[in-house]
Amino acid sequence: TISRDNSKNTVYLRMNSLKPTDTAVYYCAAYHRSRGSTVV
């Protein structure tokens, strides 16, 4: 589950029922909403 708290400038990723195949380096990323489109 992804969520964000704009008052804390933070985005979260809650990961449940983890599997060995979830092993990886996890990165967060951003782009400005002015780039358009209603779909992220």
All heavy atoms as atom14 arrays in JSON, in Angstrom:
{
  "sequence": "TISRDNSKNTVYLRMNSLKPTDTAVYYCAAYHRSRGSTVV",
  "atom14_mask": [
    [1, 1, 1, 1, 1, 1, 1, 0, 0, 0, 0, 0, 0, 0],
    [1, 1, 1, 1, 1, 1, 1, 1, 0, 0, 0, 0, 0, 0],
    [1, 1, 1, 1, 1, 1, 0, 0, 0, 0, 0, 0, 0, 0],
    [1, 1, 1, 1, 1, 1, 1, 1, 1, 1, 1, 0, 0, 0],
    [1, 1, 1, 1, 1, 1, 1, 1, 0, 0, 0, 0, 0, 0],
    [1, 1, 1, 1, 1, 1, 1, 1, 0, 0, 0, 0, 0, 0],
    [1, 1, 1, 1, 1, 1, 0, 0, 0, 0, 0, 0, 0, 0],
    [1, 1, 1, 1, 1, 1, 1, 1, 1, 0, 0, 0, 0, 0],
    [1, 1, 1, 1, 1, 1, 1, 1, 0, 0, 0, 0, 0, 0],
    [1, 1, 1, 1, 1, 1, 1, 0, 0, 0, 0, 0, 0, 0],
    [1, 1, 1, 1, 1, 1, 1, 0, 0, 0, 0, 0, 0, 0],
    [1, 1, 1, 1, 1, 1, 1, 1, 1, 1, 1, 1, 0, 0],
    [1, 1, 1, 1, 1, 1, 1, 1, 0, 0, 0, 0, 0, 0],
    [1, 1, 1, 1, 1, 1, 1, 1, 1, 1, 1, 0, 0, 0],
    [1, 1, 1, 1, 1, 1, 1, 1, 0, 0, 0, 0, 0, 0],
    [1, 1, 1, 1, 1, 1, 1, 1, 0, 0, 0, 0, 0, 0],
    [1, 1, 1, 1, 1, 1, 0, 0, 0, 0, 0, 0, 0, 0],
    [1, 1, 1, 1, 1, 1, 1, 1, 0, 0, 0, 0, 0, 0],
    [1, 1, 1, 1, 1, 1, 1, 1, 1, 0, 0, 0, 0, 0],
    [1, 1, 1, 1, 1, 1, 1, 0, 0, 0, 0, 0, 0, 0],
    [1, 1, 1, 1, 1, 1, 1, 0, 0, 0, 0, 0, 0, 0],
    [1, 1, 1, 1, 1, 1, 1, 1, 0, 0, 0, 0, 0, 0],
    [1, 1, 1, 1, 1, 1, 1, 0, 0, 0, 0, 0, 0, 0],
    [1, 1, 1, 1, 1, 0, 0, 0, 0, 0, 0, 0, 0, 0],
    [1, 1, 1, 1, 1, 1, 1, 0, 0, 0, 0, 0, 0, 0],
    [1, 1, 1, 1, 1, 1, 1, 1, 1, 1, 1, 1, 0, 0],
    [1, 1, 1, 1, 1, 1, 1, 1, 1, 1, 1, 1, 0, 0],
    [1, 1, 1, 1, 1, 1, 0, 0, 0, 0, 0, 0, 0, 0],
    [1, 1, 1, 1, 1, 0, 0, 0, 0, 0, 0, 0, 0, 0],
    [1, 1, 1, 1, 1, 0, 0, 0, 0, 0, 0, 0, 0, 0],
    [1, 1, 1, 1, 1, 1, 1, 1, 1, 1, 1, 1, 0, 0],
    [1, 1, 1, 1, 1, 1, 1, 1, 1, 1, 0, 0, 0, 0],
    [1, 1, 1, 1, 1, 1, 1, 1, 1, 1, 1, 0, 0, 0],
    [1, 1, 1, 1, 1, 1, 0, 0, 0, 0, 0, 0, 0, 0],
    [1, 1, 1, 1, 1, 1, 1, 1, 1, 1, 1, 0, 0, 0],
    [1, 1, 1, 1, 0, 0, 0, 0, 0, 0, 0, 0, 0, 0],
    [1, 1, 1, 1, 1, 1, 0, 0, 0, 0, 0, 0, 0, 0],
    [1, 1, 1, 1, 1, 1, 1, 0, 0, 0, 0, 0, 0, 0],
    [1, 1, 1, 1, 1, 1, 1, 0, 0, 0, 0, 0, 0, 0],
    [1, 1, 1, 1, 1, 1, 1, 0, 0, 0, 0, 0, 0, 0]
  ],
  "atom14_positions": [
    [[0.84, -1.19, 0.0], [0.0, 0.0, 0.0], [0.88, 1.24, 0.0], [1.75, 1.39, 0.86], [-0.91, 0.03, 1.23], [-1.72, -1.15, 1.28], [-1.83, 1.26, 1.19], [0.0, 0.0, 0.0], [0.0, 0.0, 0.0], [0.0, 0.0, 0.0], [0.0, 0.0, 0.0], [0.0, 0.0, 0.0], [0.0, 0.0, 0.0], [0.0, 0.0, 0.0]],
    [[0.64, 2.11, -0.96], [1.35, 3.38, -1.0], [0.46, 4.46, -0.4], [-0.76, 4.46, -0.58], [1.74, 3.74, -2.46], [2.67, 4.96, -2.49], [0.52, 3.95, -3.34], [3.27, 5.24, -3.86], [0.0, 0.0, 0.0], [0.0, 0.0, 0.0], [0.0, 0.0, 0.0], [0.0, 0.0, 0.0], [0.0, 0.0, 0.0], [0.0, 0.0, 0.0]],
    [[1.09, 5.36, 0.33], [0.34, 6.48, 0.92], [1.28, 7.66, 1.04], [2.49, 7.52, 0.87], [-0.23, 6.09, 2.29], [0.82, 5.76, 3.19], [0.0, 0.0, 0.0], [0.0, 0.0, 0.0], [0.0, 0.0, 0.0], [0.0, 0.0, 0.0], [0.0, 0.0, 0.0], [0.0, 0.0, 0.0], [0.0, 0.0, 0.0], [0.0, 0.0, 0.0]],
    [[0.72, 8.82, 1.33], [1.55, 10.0, 1.5], [0.93, 10.9, 2.56], [-0.28, 10.91, 2.77], [1.71, 10.74, 0.18], [0.44, 11.36, -0.39], [0.67, 11.89, -1.81], [1.64, 12.98, -1.85], [2.28, 13.36, -2.95], [2.07, 12.73, -4.09], [3.13, 14.36, -2.91], [0.0, 0.0, 0.0], [0.0, 0.0, 0.0], [0.0, 0.0, 0.0]],
    [[1.81, 11.68, 3.17], [1.39, 12.69, 4.15], [2.02, 13.99, 3.69], [3.22, 14.22, 3.92], [1.84, 12.3, 5.56], [1.32, 13.24, 6.62], [0.95, 14.39, 6.28], [1.3, 12.86, 7.79], [0.0, 0.0, 0.0], [0.0, 0.0, 0.0], [0.0, 0.0, 0.0], [0.0, 0.0, 0.0], [0.0, 0.0, 0.0], [0.0, 0.0, 0.0]],
    [[1.24, 14.83, 3.03], [1.79, 16.07, 2.49], [2.21, 17.04, 3.57], [3.05, 17.91, 3.34], [0.79, 16.71, 1.53], [0.72, 15.97, 0.2], [1.56, 15.11, -0.1], [-0.3, 16.27, -0.59], [0.0, 0.0, 0.0], [0.0, 0.0, 0.0], [0.0, 0.0, 0.0], [0.0, 0.0, 0.0], [0.0, 0.0, 0.0], [0.0, 0.0, 0.0]],
    [[1.66, 16.9, 4.76], [2.07, 17.79, 5.86], [3.45, 17.4, 6.4], [4.12, 18.22, 7.04], [1.05, 17.73, 6.99], [1.07, 16.48, 7.65], [0.0, 0.0, 0.0], [0.0, 0.0, 0.0], [0.0, 0.0, 0.0], [0.0, 0.0, 0.0], [0.0, 0.0, 0.0], [0.0, 0.0, 0.0], [0.0, 0.0, 0.0], [0.0, 0.0, 0.0]],
    [[3.88, 16.18, 6.1], [5.19, 15.71, 6.55], [6.17, 15.51, 5.39], [7.28, 15.02, 5.59], [5.04, 14.39, 7.31], [4.25, 14.51, 8.59], [4.19, 13.17, 9.33], [3.44, 13.32, 10.65], [3.35, 12.03, 11.39], [0.0, 0.0, 0.0], [0.0, 0.0, 0.0], [0.0, 0.0, 0.0], [0.0, 0.0, 0.0], [0.0, 0.0, 0.0]],
    [[5.73, 15.87, 4.18], [6.59, 15.72, 3.0], [7.14, 14.3, 2.87], [8.31, 14.09, 2.53], [7.77, 16.72, 3.04], [7.32, 18.15, 2.9], [6.16, 18.43, 2.62], [8.23, 19.08, 3.11], [0.0, 0.0, 0.0], [0.0, 0.0, 0.0], [0.0, 0.0, 0.0], [0.0, 0.0, 0.0], [0.0, 0.0, 0.0], [0.0, 0.0, 0.0]],
    [[6.28, 13.34, 3.1], [6.73, 11.95, 3.13], [5.75, 11.05, 2.39], [4.53, 11.21, 2.5], [6.87, 11.47, 4.58], [7.8, 12.32, 5.27], [7.39, 10.04, 4.64], [0.0, 0.0, 0.0], [0.0, 0.0, 0.0], [0.0, 0.0, 0.0], [0.0, 0.0, 0.0], [0.0, 0.0, 0.0], [0.0, 0.0, 0.0], [0.0, 0.0, 0.0]],
    [[6.32, 10.09, 1.67], [5.53, 9.04, 1.04], [5.96, 7.72, 1.65], [7.12, 7.54, 2.02], [5.71, 9.06, -0.49], [7.15, 8.78, -0.9], [4.76, 8.08, -1.16], [0.0, 0.0, 0.0], [0.0, 0.0, 0.0], [0.0, 0.0, 0.0], [0.0, 0.0, 0.0], [0.0, 0.0, 0.0], [0.0, 0.0, 0.0], [0.0, 0.0, 0.0]],
    [[5.0, 6.81, 1.78], [5.24, 5.54, 2.44], [4.91, 4.38, 1.51], [4.1, 4.5, 0.59], [4.36, 5.42, 3.68], [4.51, 6.54, 4.67], [3.62, 7.62, 4.67], [5.55, 6.54, 5.6], [3.76, 8.65, 5.57], [5.69, 7.58, 6.51], [4.79, 8.63, 6.48], [4.94, 9.66, 7.38], [0.0, 0.0, 0.0], [0.0, 0.0, 0.0]],
    [[5.54, 3.25, 1.8], [5.16, 2.0, 1.13], [5.06, 0.92, 2.2], [6.07, 0.5, 2.77], [6.19, 1.6, 0.07], [5.81, 0.36, -0.75], [4.59, 0.67, -1.64], [6.98, -0.12, -1.6], [0.0, 0.0, 0.0], [0.0, 0.0, 0.0], [0.0, 0.0, 0.0], [0.0, 0.0, 0.0], [0.0, 0.0, 0.0], [0.0, 0.0, 0.0]],
    [[3.84, 0.53, 2.48], [3.6, -0.54, 3.44], [3.63, -1.84, 2.66], [2.88, -2.03, 1.71], [2.25, -0.36, 4.12], [1.87, -1.5, 5.07], [2.75, -1.52, 6.3], [2.39, -2.59, 7.23], [2.99, -2.8, 8.4], [3.99, -2.02, 8.78], [2.6, -3.79, 9.18], [0.0, 0.0, 0.0], [0.0, 0.0, 0.0], [0.0, 0.0, 0.0]],
    [[4.48, -2.77, 3.11], [4.65, -4.04, 2.41], [4.3, -5.18, 3.36], [4.97, -5.37, 4.38], [6.1, -4.18, 1.91], [6.56, -3.01, 1.06], [8.2, -3.25, 0.37], [9.2, -3.22, 1.86], [0.0, 0.0, 0.0], [0.0, 0.0, 0.0], [0.0, 0.0, 0.0], [0.0, 0.0, 0.0], [0.0, 0.0, 0.0], [0.0, 0.0, 0.0]],
    [[3.26, -5.9, 3.03], [2.82, -7.05, 3.81], [3.06, -8.34, 3.05], [3.24, -8.34, 1.83], [1.32, -6.92, 4.14], [1.01, -5.75, 5.04], [1.82, -5.33, 5.86], [-0.2, -5.21, 4.89], [0.0, 0.0, 0.0], [0.0, 0.0, 0.0], [0.0, 0.0, 0.0], [0.0, 0.0, 0.0], [0.0, 0.0, 0.0], [0.0, 0.0, 0.0]],
    [[3.04, -9.44, 3.78], [3.2, -10.77, 3.16], [4.39, -10.81, 2.2], [4.28, -11.26, 1.06], [1.92, -11.15, 2.41], [0.8, -11.14, 3.28], [0.0, 0.0, 0.0], [0.0, 0.0, 0.0], [0.0, 0.0, 0.0], [0.0, 0.0, 0.0], [0.0, 0.0, 0.0], [0.0, 0.0, 0.0], [0.0, 0.0, 0.0], [0.0, 0.0, 0.0]],
    [[5.51, -10.36, 2.69], [6.69, -10.26, 1.83], [7.15, -11.64, 1.37], [7.05, -12.64, 2.1], [7.81, -9.54, 2.55], [7.64, -8.01, 2.59], [8.48, -7.38, 3.68], [7.96, -7.4, 1.23], [0.0, 0.0, 0.0], [0.0, 0.0, 0.0], [0.0, 0.0, 0.0], [0.0, 0.0, 0.0], [0.0, 0.0, 0.0], [0.0, 0.0, 0.0]],
    [[7.67, -11.66, 0.15], [8.17, -12.88, -0.47], [9.65, -12.71, -0.83], [10.11, -11.58, -1.02], [7.4, -13.15, -1.77], [5.9, -13.22, -1.62], [5.23, -13.35, -2.98], [3.72, -13.39, -2.87], [3.07, -13.52, -4.2], [0.0, 0.0, 0.0], [0.0, 0.0, 0.0], [0.0, 0.0, 0.0], [0.0, 0.0, 0.0], [0.0, 0.0, 0.0]],
    [[10.38, -13.8, -0.95], [11.79, -13.68, -1.39], [11.92, -12.93, -2.72], [12.92, -12.25, -2.94], [12.23, -15.13, -1.49], [11.42, -15.84, -0.46], [10.07, -15.18, -0.53], [0.0, 0.0, 0.0], [0.0, 0.0, 0.0], [0.0, 0.0, 0.0], [0.0, 0.0, 0.0], [0.0, 0.0, 0.0], [0.0, 0.0, 0.0], [0.0, 0.0, 0.0]],
    [[10.93, -13.05, -3.57], [10.98, -12.35, -4.86], [10.82, -10.83, -4.72], [11.01, -10.1, -5.7], [9.89, -12.88, -5.81], [8.63, -12.85, -5.11], [10.21, -14.3, -6.25], [0.0, 0.0, 0.0], [0.0, 0.0, 0.0], [0.0, 0.0, 0.0], [0.0, 0.0, 0.0], [0.0, 0.0, 0.0], [0.0, 0.0, 0.0], [0.0, 0.0, 0.0]],
    [[10.48, -10.35, -3.52], [10.42, -8.91, -3.29], [11.79, -8.33, -2.94], [11.93, -7.11, -2.79], [9.44, -8.6, -2.14], [8.01, -8.95, -2.48], [7.58, -8.65, -3.61], [7.33, -9.51, -1.6], [0.0, 0.0, 0.0], [0.0, 0.0, 0.0], [0.0, 0.0, 0.0], [0.0, 0.0, 0.0], [0.0, 0.0, 0.0], [0.0, 0.0, 0.0]],
    [[12.79, -9.18, -2.8], [14.14, -8.72, -2.48], [14.67, -7.82, -3.58], [14.69, -8.19, -4.76], [15.08, -9.92, -2.29], [14.65, -10.67, -1.15], [16.52, -9.47, -2.09], [0.0, 0.0, 0.0], [0.0, 0.0, 0.0], [0.0, 0.0, 0.0], [0.0, 0.0, 0.0], [0.0, 0.0, 0.0], [0.0, 0.0, 0.0], [0.0, 0.0, 0.0]],
    [[15.09, -6.61, -3.2], [15.56, -5.62, -4.17], [15.98, -4.36, -3.41], [15.71, -4.22, -2.22], [14.46, -5.27, -5.17], [0.0, 0.0, 0.0], [0.0, 0.0, 0.0], [0.0, 0.0, 0.0], [0.0, 0.0, 0.0], [0.0, 0.0, 0.0], [0.0, 0.0, 0.0], [0.0, 0.0, 0.0], [0.0, 0.0, 0.0], [0.0, 0.0, 0.0]],
    [[16.6, -3.46, -4.14], [16.77, -2.1, -3.65], [15.52, -1.32, -4.08], [15.13, -1.35, -5.24], [18.03, -1.45, -4.24], [18.14, 0.01, -3.76], [19.28, -2.23, -3.85], [0.0, 0.0, 0.0], [0.0, 0.0, 0.0], [0.0, 0.0, 0.0], [0.0, 0.0, 0.0], [0.0, 0.0, 0.0], [0.0, 0.0, 0.0], [0.0, 0.0, 0.0]],
    [[14.92, -0.66, -3.12], [13.69, 0.1, -3.36], [14.02, 1.59, -3.43], [14.7, 2.12, -2.55], [12.67, -0.18, -2.27], [11.99, -1.51, -2.44], [12.68, -2.7, -2.21], [10.66, -1.61, -2.86], [12.08, -3.93, -2.39], [10.04, -2.83, -3.03], [10.76, -3.99, -2.8], [10.17, -5.21, -2.99], [0.0, 0.0, 0.0], [0.0, 0.0, 0.0]],
    [[13.49, 2.22, -4.48], [13.73, 3.64, -4.73], [12.42, 4.39, -4.73], [11.43, 3.91, -5.3], [14.39, 3.84, -6.09], [15.73, 3.18, -6.26], [15.83, 1.88, -6.75], [16.91, 3.87, -5.95], [17.06, 1.28, -6.91], [18.15, 3.28, -6.12], [18.22, 1.97, -6.6], [19.44, 1.38, -6.77], [0.0, 0.0, 0.0], [0.0, 0.0, 0.0]],
    [[12.42, 5.58, -4.16], [11.28, 6.46, -4.4], [11.67, 7.49, -5.44], [12.86, 7.78, -5.64], [10.75, 7.11, -3.12], [11.75, 8.42, -2.45], [0.0, 0.0, 0.0], [0.0, 0.0, 0.0], [0.0, 0.0, 0.0], [0.0, 0.0, 0.0], [0.0, 0.0, 0.0], [0.0, 0.0, 0.0], [0.0, 0.0, 0.0], [0.0, 0.0, 0.0]],
    [[10.68, 8.01, -6.13], [10.91, 8.91, -7.24], [9.77, 9.91, -7.33], [8.67, 9.66, -6.81], [11.05, 8.12, -8.54], [0.0, 0.0, 0.0], [0.0, 0.0, 0.0], [0.0, 0.0, 0.0], [0.0, 0.0, 0.0], [0.0, 0.0, 0.0], [0.0, 0.0, 0.0], [0.0, 0.0, 0.0], [0.0, 0.0, 0.0], [0.0, 0.0, 0.0]],
    [[10.03, 11.02, -8.02], [9.04, 12.09, -8.1], [9.07, 12.76, -9.47], [10.11, 12.82, -10.12], [9.3, 13.13, -7.02], [0.0, 0.0, 0.0], [0.0, 0.0, 0.0], [0.0, 0.0, 0.0], [0.0, 0.0, 0.0], [0.0, 0.0, 0.0], [0.0, 0.0, 0.0], [0.0, 0.0, 0.0], [0.0, 0.0, 0.0], [0.0, 0.0, 0.0]],
    [[7.91, 13.27, -9.89], [7.87, 14.19, -11.02], [6.74, 15.16, -10.79], [5.75, 14.85, -10.11], [7.76, 13.47, -12.36], [6.42, 12.85, -12.69], [5.48, 13.54, -13.46], [6.09, 11.57, -12.24], [4.27, 12.98, -13.77], [4.87, 11.02, -12.55], [3.97, 11.71, -13.32], [2.74, 11.16, -13.62], [0.0, 0.0, 0.0], [0.0, 0.0, 0.0]],
    [[6.87, 16.34, -11.38], [5.93, 17.43, -11.12], [4.59, 17.2, -11.82], [4.55, 16.77, -12.97], [6.53, 18.76, -11.57], [5.92, 19.94, -10.91], [4.75, 20.51, -11.38], [6.28, 20.64, -9.81], [4.43, 21.52, -10.61], [5.33, 21.64, -9.64], [0.0, 0.0, 0.0], [0.0, 0.0, 0.0], [0.0, 0.0, 0.0], [0.0, 0.0, 0.0]],
    [[3.53, 17.5, -11.13], [2.19, 17.25, -11.67], [1.85, 18.15, -12.84], [0.9, 17.88, -13.58], [1.13, 17.39, -10.6], [1.02, 18.78, -9.97], [0.0, 18.74, -8.87], [-0.06, 19.99, -8.11], [-1.15, 20.74, -8.03], [-2.25, 20.39, -8.66], [-1.15, 21.83, -7.3], [0.0, 0.0, 0.0], [0.0, 0.0, 0.0], [0.0, 0.0, 0.0]],
    [[2.64, 19.21, -13.05], [2.38, 20.1, -14.19], [2.67, 19.41, -15.51], [2.32, 19.93, -16.58], [3.22, 21.36, -14.07], [4.6, 21.06, -14.18], [0.0, 0.0, 0.0], [0.0, 0.0, 0.0], [0.0, 0.0, 0.0], [0.0, 0.0, 0.0], [0.0, 0.0, 0.0], [0.0, 0.0, 0.0], [0.0, 0.0, 0.0], [0.0, 0.0, 0.0]],
    [[3.31, 18.26, -15.46], [3.62, 17.54, -16.69], [2.37, 16.98, -17.33], [2.41, 16.45, -18.44], [4.6, 16.41, -16.39], [5.98, 16.89, -15.99], [6.99, 16.54, -17.04], [7.0, 15.12, -17.3], [7.71, 14.25, -16.61], [8.45, 14.67, -15.6], [7.69, 12.99, -16.91], [0.0, 0.0, 0.0], [0.0, 0.0, 0.0], [0.0, 0.0, 0.0]],
    [[1.24, 17.1, -16.65], [-0.02, 16.77, -17.3], [-0.46, 15.35, -17.11], [0.18, 14.59, -16.41], [0.0, 0.0, 0.0], [0.0, 0.0, 0.0], [0.0, 0.0, 0.0], [0.0, 0.0, 0.0], [0.0, 0.0, 0.0], [0.0, 0.0, 0.0], [0.0, 0.0, 0.0], [0.0, 0.0, 0.0], [0.0, 0.0, 0.0], [0.0, 0.0, 0.0]],
    [[-1.56, 15.0, -17.69], [-2.21, 13.7, -17.64], [-2.89, 13.48, -16.3], [-2.4, 13.91, -15.26], [-1.23, 12.55, -17.91], [-1.89, 11.32, -17.82], [0.0, 0.0, 0.0], [0.0, 0.0, 0.0], [0.0, 0.0, 0.0], [0.0, 0.0, 0.0], [0.0, 0.0, 0.0], [0.0, 0.0, 0.0], [0.0, 0.0, 0.0], [0.0, 0.0, 0.0]],
    [[-4.02, 12.83, -16.33], [-4.75, 12.52, -15.1], [-4.29, 11.19, -14.53], [-4.66, 10.83, -13.43], [-6.25, 12.46, -15.37], [-6.5, 11.48, -16.38], [-6.78, 13.8, -15.83], [0.0, 0.0, 0.0], [0.0, 0.0, 0.0], [0.0, 0.0, 0.0], [0.0, 0.0, 0.0], [0.0, 0.0, 0.0], [0.0, 0.0, 0.0], [0.0, 0.0, 0.0]],
    [[-3.46, 10.47, -15.29], [-2.97, 9.17, -14.84], [-1.53, 9.33, -14.4], [-0.7, 9.85, -15.14], [-3.07, 8.13, -15.97], [-2.51, 6.8, -15.51], [-4.51, 8.0, -16.43], [0.0, 0.0, 0.0], [0.0, 0.0, 0.0], [0.0, 0.0, 0.0], [0.0, 0.0, 0.0], [0.0, 0.0, 0.0], [0.0, 0.0, 0.0], [0.0, 0.0, 0.0]],
    [[-1.21, 8.87, -13.23], [0.17, 8.96, -12.74], [1.02, 7.94, -13.5], [0.61, 6.8, -13.72], [0.23, 8.69, -11.23], [1.67, 8.76, -10.73], [-0.63, 9.71, -10.49], [0.0, 0.0, 0.0], [0.0, 0.0, 0.0], [0.0, 0.0, 0.0], [0.0, 0.0, 0.0], [0.0, 0.0, 0.0], [0.0, 0.0, 0.0], [0.0, 0.0, 0.0]]
  ]
}
